[in-house]
Amino acid sequence: MENTKGNMFIGSFLFCGFMFTGGGIGMIYDAPEVGGAIGMGLGFLAMGAVFLIRKDHQE
């Protein structure tokens, strides 16, 4: 469990990247709130995937 900081570091970058990408796509379609919400959902899923994948490699 000592690599939790690394997981959080990578996960937070993925979360922010998905959130801003979703917001940008939403701005193209005049719905930045919807795009941001979709980006946040994808970001949380990506962060969870990072935690699961990296947890498997630690053991």
PDB file of N, CA and C in Angstrom:
ATOM      1  N   MET A   1       0.812  -1.198   0.000  1.00  0.00           N
ATOM      2  CA  MET A   1       0.000   0.000   0.000  1.00  0.00           C
ATOM      3  C   MET A   1       0.854   1.259   0.000  1.00  0.00           C
ATOM      4  N   GLU A   2       2.167   1.100  -0.116  1.00  0.00           N
ATOM      5  CA  GLU A   2       3.044   2.265  -0.070  1.00  0.00           C
ATOM      6  C   GLU A   2       3.016   3.068  -1.360  1.00  0.00           C
ATOM      7  N   ASN A   3       2.510   2.513  -2.451  1.00  0.00           N
ATOM      8  CA  ASN A   3       2.483   3.214  -3.729  1.00  0.00           C
ATOM      9  C   ASN A   3       1.161   3.939  -3.949  1.00  0.00           C
ATOM     10  N   THR A   4       0.420   4.226  -2.898  1.00  0.00           N
ATOM     11  CA  THR A   4      -0.865   4.900  -3.026  1.00  0.00           C
ATOM     12  C   THR A   4      -0.701   6.301  -3.586  1.00  0.00           C
ATOM     13  N   LYS A   5       0.390   6.983  -3.234  1.00  0.00           N
ATOM     14  CA  LYS A   5       0.624   8.327  -3.770  1.00  0.00           C
ATOM     15  C   LYS A   5       0.784   8.295  -5.280  1.00  0.00           C
ATOM     16  N   GLY A   6       1.493   7.293  -5.797  1.00  0.00           N
ATOM     17  CA  GLY A   6       1.661   7.178  -7.243  1.00  0.00           C
ATOM     18  C   GLY A   6       0.345   6.917  -7.943  1.00  0.00           C
ATOM     19  N   ASN A   7      -0.493   6.076  -7.340  1.00  0.00           N
ATOM     20  CA  ASN A   7      -1.801   5.805  -7.921  1.00  0.00           C
ATOM     21  C   ASN A   7      -2.654   7.064  -7.950  1.00  0.00           C
ATOM     22  N   MET A   8      -2.626   7.823  -6.858  1.00  0.00           N
ATOM     23  CA  MET A   8      -3.420   9.038  -6.772  1.00  0.00           C
ATOM     24  C   MET A   8      -2.907  10.078  -7.766  1.00  0.00           C
ATOM     25  N   PHE A   9      -1.597  10.144  -7.939  1.00  0.00           N
ATOM     26  CA  PHE A   9      -0.986  11.093  -8.872  1.00  0.00           C
ATOM     27  C   PHE A   9      -1.446  10.806 -10.296  1.00  0.00           C
ATOM     28  N   ILE A  10      -1.335   9.567 -10.718  1.00  0.00           N
ATOM     29  CA  ILE A  10      -1.743   9.187 -12.078  1.00  0.00           C
ATOM     30  C   ILE A  10      -3.252   9.330 -12.239  1.00  0.00           C
ATOM     31  N   GLY A  11      -4.006   8.865 -11.241  1.00  0.00           N
ATOM     32  CA  GLY A  11      -5.461   8.945 -11.314  1.00  0.00           C
ATOM     33  C   GLY A  11      -5.969  10.371 -11.386  1.00  0.00           C
ATOM     34  N   SER A  12      -5.338  11.278 -10.653  1.00  0.00           N
ATOM     35  CA  SER A  12      -5.801  12.664 -10.671  1.00  0.00           C
ATOM     36  C   SER A  12      -5.520  13.329 -12.015  1.00  0.00           C
ATOM     37  N   PHE A  13      -4.406  12.984 -12.649  1.00  0.00           N
ATOM     38  CA  PHE A  13      -4.148  13.520 -13.978  1.00  0.00           C
ATOM     39  C   PHE A  13      -5.155  12.999 -14.992  1.00  0.00           C
ATOM     40  N   LEU A  14      -5.492  11.721 -14.902  1.00  0.00           N
ATOM     41  CA  LEU A  14      -6.503  11.169 -15.802  1.00  0.00           C
ATOM     42  C   LEU A  14      -7.856  11.825 -15.558  1.00  0.00           C
ATOM     43  N   PHE A  15      -8.218  11.995 -14.295  1.00  0.00           N
ATOM     44  CA  PHE A  15      -9.497  12.626 -13.967  1.00  0.00           C
ATOM     45  C   PHE A  15      -9.580  14.025 -14.564  1.00  0.00           C
ATOM     46  N   CYS A  16      -8.552  14.831 -14.335  1.00  0.00           N
ATOM     47  CA  CYS A  16      -8.557  16.211 -14.864  1.00  0.00           C
ATOM     48  C   CYS A  16      -8.570  16.227 -16.388  1.00  0.00           C
ATOM     49  N   GLY A  17      -7.806  15.321 -16.979  1.00  0.00           N
ATOM     50  CA  GLY A  17      -7.766  15.256 -18.440  1.00  0.00           C
ATOM     51  C   GLY A  17      -9.123  14.925 -19.035  1.00  0.00           C
ATOM     52  N   PHE A  18      -9.796  13.927 -18.476  1.00  0.00           N
ATOM     53  CA  PHE A  18     -11.124  13.566 -18.972  1.00  0.00           C
ATOM     54  C   PHE A  18     -12.129  14.684 -18.722  1.00  0.00           C
ATOM     55  N   MET A  19     -12.038  15.332 -17.560  1.00  0.00           N
ATOM     56  CA  MET A  19     -12.988  16.389 -17.223  1.00  0.00           C
ATOM     57  C   MET A  19     -12.858  17.565 -18.187  1.00  0.00           C
ATOM     58  N   PHE A  20     -11.636  18.001 -18.441  1.00  0.00           N
ATOM     59  CA  PHE A  20     -11.451  19.136 -19.344  1.00  0.00           C
ATOM     60  C   PHE A  20     -11.740  18.766 -20.798  1.00  0.00           C
ATOM     61  N   THR A  21     -11.426  17.550 -21.190  1.00  0.00           N
ATOM     62  CA  THR A  21     -11.766  17.110 -22.547  1.00  0.00           C
ATOM     63  C   THR A  21     -13.275  17.073 -22.724  1.00  0.00           C
ATOM     64  N   GLY A  22     -13.982  16.523 -21.723  1.00  0.00           N
ATOM     65  CA  GLY A  22     -15.446  16.502 -21.785  1.00  0.00           C
ATOM     66  C   GLY A  22     -16.029  17.897 -21.821  1.00  0.00           C
ATOM     67  N   GLY A  23     -15.495  18.799 -21.007  1.00  0.00           N
ATOM     68  CA  GLY A  23     -15.965  20.182 -21.015  1.00  0.00           C
ATOM     69  C   GLY A  23     -15.712  20.863 -22.352  1.00  0.00           C
ATOM     70  N   GLY A  24     -14.555  20.591 -22.946  1.00  0.00           N
ATOM     71  CA  GLY A  24     -14.246  21.169 -24.258  1.00  0.00           C
ATOM     72  C   GLY A  24     -15.166  20.653 -25.348  1.00  0.00           C
ATOM     73  N   ILE A  25     -15.431  19.365 -25.326  1.00  0.00           N
ATOM     74  CA  ILE A  25     -16.367  18.798 -26.310  1.00  0.00           C
ATOM     75  C   ILE A  25     -17.767  19.360 -26.072  1.00  0.00           C
ATOM     76  N   GLY A  26     -18.124  19.508 -24.791  1.00  0.00           N
ATOM     77  CA  GLY A  26     -19.416  20.116 -24.477  1.00  0.00           C
ATOM     78  C   GLY A  26     -19.526  21.548 -24.975  1.00  0.00           C
ATOM     79  N   MET A  27     -18.427  22.300 -24.925  1.00  0.00           N
ATOM     80  CA  MET A  27     -18.449  23.681 -25.417  1.00  0.00           C
ATOM     81  C   MET A  27     -18.696  23.731 -26.914  1.00  0.00           C
ATOM     82  N   ILE A  28     -18.201  22.732 -27.638  1.00  0.00           N
ATOM     83  CA  ILE A  28     -18.443  22.681 -29.082  1.00  0.00           C
ATOM     84  C   ILE A  28     -19.941  22.577 -29.358  1.00  0.00           C
ATOM     85  N   TYR A  29     -20.643  21.819 -28.520  1.00  0.00           N
ATOM     86  CA  TYR A  29     -22.072  21.594 -28.697  1.00  0.00           C
ATOM     87  C   TYR A  29     -22.928  22.504 -27.811  1.00  0.00           C
ATOM     88  N   ASP A  30     -22.362  23.582 -27.290  1.00  0.00           N
ATOM     89  CA  ASP A  30     -23.053  24.555 -26.432  1.00  0.00           C
ATOM     90  C   ASP A  30     -23.642  23.928 -25.175  1.00  0.00           C
ATOM     91  N   ALA A  31     -22.967  22.931 -24.620  1.00  0.00           N
ATOM     92  CA  ALA A  31     -23.418  22.299 -23.373  1.00  0.00           C
ATOM     93  C   ALA A  31     -22.203  21.914 -22.529  1.00  0.00           C
ATOM     94  N   PRO A  32     -21.434  22.923 -22.035  1.00  0.00           N
ATOM     95  CA  PRO A  32     -20.219  22.589 -21.270  1.00  0.00           C
ATOM     96  C   PRO A  32     -20.509  21.867 -19.958  1.00  0.00           C
ATOM     97  N   GLU A  33     -21.694  22.130 -19.365  1.00  0.00           N
ATOM     98  CA  GLU A  33     -22.029  21.449 -18.111  1.00  0.00           C
ATOM     99  C   GLU A  33     -22.212  19.947 -18.342  1.00  0.00           C
ATOM    100  N   VAL A  34     -22.901  19.612 -19.424  1.00  0.00           N
ATOM    101  CA  VAL A  34     -23.135  18.204 -19.741  1.00  0.00           C
ATOM    102  C   VAL A  34     -21.815  17.526 -20.099  1.00  0.00           C
ATOM    103  N   GLY A  35     -21.004  18.180 -20.904  1.00  0.00           N
ATOM    104  CA  GLY A  35     -19.704  17.616 -21.272  1.00  0.00           C
ATOM    105  C   GLY A  35     -18.803  17.436 -20.067  1.00  0.00           C
ATOM    106  N   GLY A  36     -18.821  18.419 -19.168  1.00  0.00           N
ATOM    107  CA  GLY A  36     -18.014  18.307 -17.956  1.00  0.00           C
ATOM    108  C   GLY A  36     -18.468  17.169 -17.066  1.00  0.00           C
ATOM    109  N   ALA A  37     -19.793  16.995 -16.970  1.00  0.00           N
ATOM    110  CA  ALA A  37     -20.322  15.907 -16.149  1.00  0.00           C
ATOM    111  C   ALA A  37     -19.957  14.543 -16.745  1.00  0.00           C
ATOM    112  N   ILE A  38     -20.059  14.424 -18.059  1.00  0.00           N
ATOM    113  CA  ILE A  38     -19.671  13.168 -18.711  1.00  0.00           C
ATOM    114  C   ILE A  38     -18.175  12.938 -18.541  1.00  0.00           C
ATOM    115  N   GLY A  39     -17.378  13.992 -18.693  1.00  0.00           N
ATOM    116  CA  GLY A  39     -15.937  13.881 -18.496  1.00  0.00           C
ATOM    117  C   GLY A  39     -15.576  13.486 -17.073  1.00  0.00           C
ATOM    118  N   MET A  40     -16.312  14.006 -16.086  1.00  0.00           N
ATOM    119  CA  MET A  40     -16.061  13.629 -14.700  1.00  0.00           C
ATOM    120  C   MET A  40     -16.385  12.158 -14.475  1.00  0.00           C
ATOM    121  N   GLY A  41     -17.478  11.694 -15.055  1.00  0.00           N
ATOM    122  CA  GLY A  41     -17.830  10.280 -14.923  1.00  0.00           C
ATOM    123  C   GLY A  41     -16.768   9.380 -15.520  1.00  0.00           C
ATOM    124  N   LEU A  42     -16.307   9.730 -16.707  1.00  0.00           N
ATOM    125  CA  LEU A  42     -15.242   8.940 -17.335  1.00  0.00           C
ATOM    126  C   LEU A  42     -13.944   9.038 -16.540  1.00  0.00           C
ATOM    127  N   GLY A  43     -13.689  10.207 -15.982  1.00  0.00           N
ATOM    128  CA  GLY A  43     -12.488  10.390 -15.167  1.00  0.00           C
ATOM    129  C   GLY A  43     -12.501   9.532 -13.915  1.00  0.00           C
ATOM    130  N   PHE A  44     -13.660   9.442 -13.260  1.00  0.00           N
ATOM    131  CA  PHE A  44     -13.767   8.586 -12.078  1.00  0.00           C
ATOM    132  C   PHE A  44     -13.576   7.117 -12.449  1.00  0.00           C
ATOM    133  N   LEU A  45     -14.139   6.705 -13.594  1.00  0.00           N
ATOM    134  CA  LEU A  45     -13.946   5.327 -14.036  1.00  0.00           C
ATOM    135  C   LEU A  45     -12.474   5.051 -14.336  1.00  0.00           C
ATOM    136  N   ALA A  46     -11.801   5.994 -14.989  1.00  0.00           N
ATOM    137  CA  ALA A  46     -10.386   5.820 -15.297  1.00  0.00           C
ATOM    138  C   ALA A  46      -9.549   5.777 -14.020  1.00  0.00           C
ATOM    139  N   MET A  47      -9.895   6.624 -13.044  1.00  0.00           N
ATOM    140  CA  MET A  47      -9.162   6.625 -11.778  1.00  0.00           C
ATOM    141  C   MET A  47      -9.336   5.289 -11.058  1.00  0.00           C
ATOM    142  N   GLY A  48     -10.548   4.767 -11.069  1.00  0.00           N
ATOM    143  CA  GLY A  48     -10.792   3.465 -10.462  1.00  0.00           C
ATOM    144  C   GLY A  48     -10.030   2.357 -11.164  1.00  0.00           C
ATOM    145  N   ALA A  49      -9.958   2.434 -12.485  1.00  0.00           N
ATOM    146  CA  ALA A  49      -9.208   1.426 -13.245  1.00  0.00           C
ATOM    147  C   ALA A  49      -7.726   1.479 -12.901  1.00  0.00           C
ATOM    148  N   VAL A  50      -7.180   2.682 -12.739  1.00  0.00           N
ATOM    149  CA  VAL A  50      -5.771   2.823 -12.360  1.00  0.00           C
ATOM    150  C   VAL A  50      -5.527   2.178 -11.005  1.00  0.00           C
ATOM    151  N   PHE A  51      -6.421   2.443 -10.046  1.00  0.00           N
ATOM    152  CA  PHE A  51      -6.256   1.852  -8.719  1.00  0.00           C
ATOM    153  C   PHE A  51      -6.297   0.333  -8.788  1.00  0.00           C
ATOM    154  N   LEU A  52      -7.226  -0.228  -9.574  1.00  0.00           N
ATOM    155  CA  LEU A  52      -7.326  -1.685  -9.673  1.00  0.00           C
ATOM    156  C   LEU A  52      -6.123  -2.296 -10.377  1.00  0.00           C
ATOM    157  N   ILE A  53      -5.709  -1.707 -11.482  1.00  0.00           N
ATOM    158  CA  ILE A  53      -4.589  -2.257 -12.254  1.00  0.00           C
ATOM    159  C   ILE A  53      -3.291  -2.162 -11.463  1.00  0.00           C
ATOM    160  N   ARG A  54      -3.053  -1.004 -10.862  1.00  0.00           N
ATOM    161  CA  ARG A  54      -1.792  -0.827 -10.127  1.00  0.00           C
ATOM    162  C   ARG A  54      -1.781  -1.644  -8.838  1.00  0.00           C
ATOM    163  N   LYS A  55      -2.956  -1.894  -8.247  1.00  0.00           N
ATOM    164  CA  LYS A  55      -3.019  -2.717  -7.055  1.00  0.00           C
ATOM    165  C   LYS A  55      -2.617  -4.157  -7.373  1.00  0.00           C
ATOM    166  N   ASP A  56      -3.044  -4.650  -8.539  1.00  0.00           N
ATOM    167  CA  ASP A  56      -2.693  -6.004  -8.955  1.00  0.00           C
ATOM    168  C   ASP A  56      -1.183  -6.161  -9.173  1.00  0.00           C
ATOM    169  N   HIS A  57      -0.538  -5.111  -9.658  1.00  0.00           N
ATOM    170  CA  HIS A  57       0.894  -5.172  -9.936  1.00  0.00           C
ATOM    171  C   HIS A  57       1.749  -5.017  -8.692  1.00  0.00           C
ATOM    172  N   GLN A  58       1.184  -4.501  -7.605  1.00  0.00           N
ATOM    173  CA  GLN A  58       1.957  -4.319  -6.379  1.00  0.00           C
ATOM    174  C   GLN A  58       2.229  -5.628  -5.675  1.00  0.00           C
ATOM    175  N   GLU A  59       1.288  -6.540  -5.743  1.00  0.00           N
ATOM    176  CA  GLU A  59       1.403  -7.778  -4.968  1.00  0.00           C
ATOM    177  C   GLU A  59       2.283  -8.806  -5.606  1.00  0.00           C
TER     178      GLU A  59
END
